[in-house]
Amino acid sequence: VRGMLPKNKLRDPRIKRLKLVKGTTTKYDNFKPLNLYK
């Protein structure tokens, strides 16, 4: 992932914010997006 980010001063903060998940279930599974344009 690090190689896909631009090589500037924002790369390191973005890498620190990245959340890697091992497995198929996460604590974010309960968040379902709402369709605002029905």
N, C-alpha and C. Protein backbone atom coordinates (compact mmCIF):
# COMPACT_ATOMS: atom_id res chain seq x y z
N VAL A 1 0.84 -1.19 0.00
CA VAL A 1 0.00 0.00 0.00
C VAL A 1 0.88 1.25 0.00
N ARG A 2 1.99 1.18 0.69
CA ARG A 2 2.87 2.34 0.78
C ARG A 2 3.34 2.81 -0.60
N GLY A 3 3.59 1.87 -1.50
CA GLY A 3 4.04 2.22 -2.84
C GLY A 3 2.97 2.86 -3.69
N MET A 4 1.70 2.69 -3.34
CA MET A 4 0.61 3.27 -4.12
C MET A 4 0.31 4.71 -3.71
N LEU A 5 0.82 5.13 -2.56
CA LEU A 5 0.57 6.50 -2.10
C LEU A 5 1.60 7.45 -2.71
N PRO A 6 1.24 8.73 -2.86
CA PRO A 6 2.20 9.69 -3.41
C PRO A 6 3.39 9.88 -2.48
N LYS A 7 4.53 10.16 -3.05
CA LYS A 7 5.75 10.32 -2.26
C LYS A 7 5.87 11.78 -1.81
N ASN A 8 5.13 12.12 -0.77
CA ASN A 8 5.20 13.46 -0.21
C ASN A 8 5.02 13.37 1.30
N LYS A 9 4.88 14.51 1.96
CA LYS A 9 4.83 14.52 3.43
C LYS A 9 3.53 13.94 3.99
N LEU A 10 2.54 13.69 3.16
CA LEU A 10 1.28 13.14 3.64
C LEU A 10 1.28 11.62 3.69
N ARG A 11 2.29 10.98 3.12
CA ARG A 11 2.29 9.52 3.06
C ARG A 11 2.35 8.89 4.44
N ASP A 12 3.26 9.32 5.30
CA ASP A 12 3.41 8.71 6.62
C ASP A 12 2.15 8.86 7.48
N PRO A 13 1.51 10.04 7.54
CA PRO A 13 0.26 10.11 8.33
C PRO A 13 -0.84 9.21 7.77
N ARG A 14 -0.89 9.04 6.47
CA ARG A 14 -1.92 8.17 5.89
C ARG A 14 -1.66 6.71 6.21
N ILE A 15 -0.39 6.32 6.22
CA ILE A 15 -0.05 4.94 6.58
C ILE A 15 -0.40 4.67 8.04
N LYS A 16 -0.20 5.65 8.91
CA LYS A 16 -0.53 5.47 10.33
C LYS A 16 -2.03 5.35 10.54
N ARG A 17 -2.83 6.00 9.69
CA ARG A 17 -4.29 5.96 9.81
C ARG A 17 -4.90 4.71 9.20
N LEU A 18 -4.13 3.98 8.41
CA LEU A 18 -4.64 2.81 7.72
C LEU A 18 -4.97 1.70 8.71
N LYS A 19 -6.14 1.10 8.53
CA LYS A 19 -6.56 0.01 9.40
C LYS A 19 -6.54 -1.29 8.60
N LEU A 20 -5.67 -2.21 8.99
CA LEU A 20 -5.62 -3.52 8.35
C LEU A 20 -6.41 -4.50 9.20
N VAL A 21 -7.21 -5.33 8.55
CA VAL A 21 -8.08 -6.26 9.25
C VAL A 21 -7.73 -7.67 8.81
N LYS A 22 -7.55 -8.53 9.78
CA LYS A 22 -7.28 -9.94 9.50
C LYS A 22 -8.57 -10.72 9.69
N GLY A 23 -9.01 -11.41 8.67
CA GLY A 23 -10.24 -12.17 8.76
C GLY A 23 -11.36 -11.51 7.97
N THR A 24 -12.57 -12.04 8.14
CA THR A 24 -13.70 -11.55 7.34
C THR A 24 -14.63 -10.65 8.13
N THR A 25 -14.60 -10.70 9.45
CA THR A 25 -15.49 -9.85 10.25
C THR A 25 -14.67 -8.75 10.92
N THR A 26 -15.25 -7.58 10.99
CA THR A 26 -14.60 -6.44 11.62
C THR A 26 -15.55 -5.78 12.58
N LYS A 27 -15.04 -4.85 13.36
CA LYS A 27 -15.93 -4.11 14.25
C LYS A 27 -16.73 -3.06 13.49
N TYR A 28 -16.43 -2.88 12.20
CA TYR A 28 -17.13 -1.90 11.38
C TYR A 28 -18.22 -2.54 10.53
N ASP A 29 -18.53 -3.81 10.74
CA ASP A 29 -19.56 -4.48 9.95
C ASP A 29 -20.95 -3.93 10.23
N ASN A 30 -21.18 -3.36 11.39
CA ASN A 30 -22.50 -2.84 11.74
C ASN A 30 -22.83 -1.53 11.03
N PHE A 31 -21.83 -0.84 10.51
CA PHE A 31 -22.06 0.42 9.83
C PHE A 31 -22.47 0.15 8.39
N LYS A 32 -23.73 0.42 8.10
CA LYS A 32 -24.24 0.22 6.74
C LYS A 32 -24.50 1.59 6.12
N PRO A 33 -24.01 1.82 4.91
CA PRO A 33 -24.23 3.12 4.27
C PRO A 33 -25.70 3.32 3.91
N LEU A 34 -26.15 4.54 4.00
CA LEU A 34 -27.52 4.89 3.63
C LEU A 34 -27.52 5.44 2.21
N ASN A 35 -28.51 5.05 1.43
CA ASN A 35 -28.65 5.57 0.09
C ASN A 35 -29.48 6.85 0.18
N LEU A 36 -28.86 7.99 -0.04
CA LEU A 36 -29.55 9.27 0.06
C LEU A 36 -30.29 9.63 -1.22
N TYR A 37 -29.98 8.93 -2.31
CA TYR A 37 -30.57 9.26 -3.61
C TYR A 37 -31.46 8.12 -4.07
N LYS A 38 -32.60 7.94 -3.39
CA LYS A 38 -33.54 6.88 -3.77
C LYS A 38 -34.46 7.34 -4.85
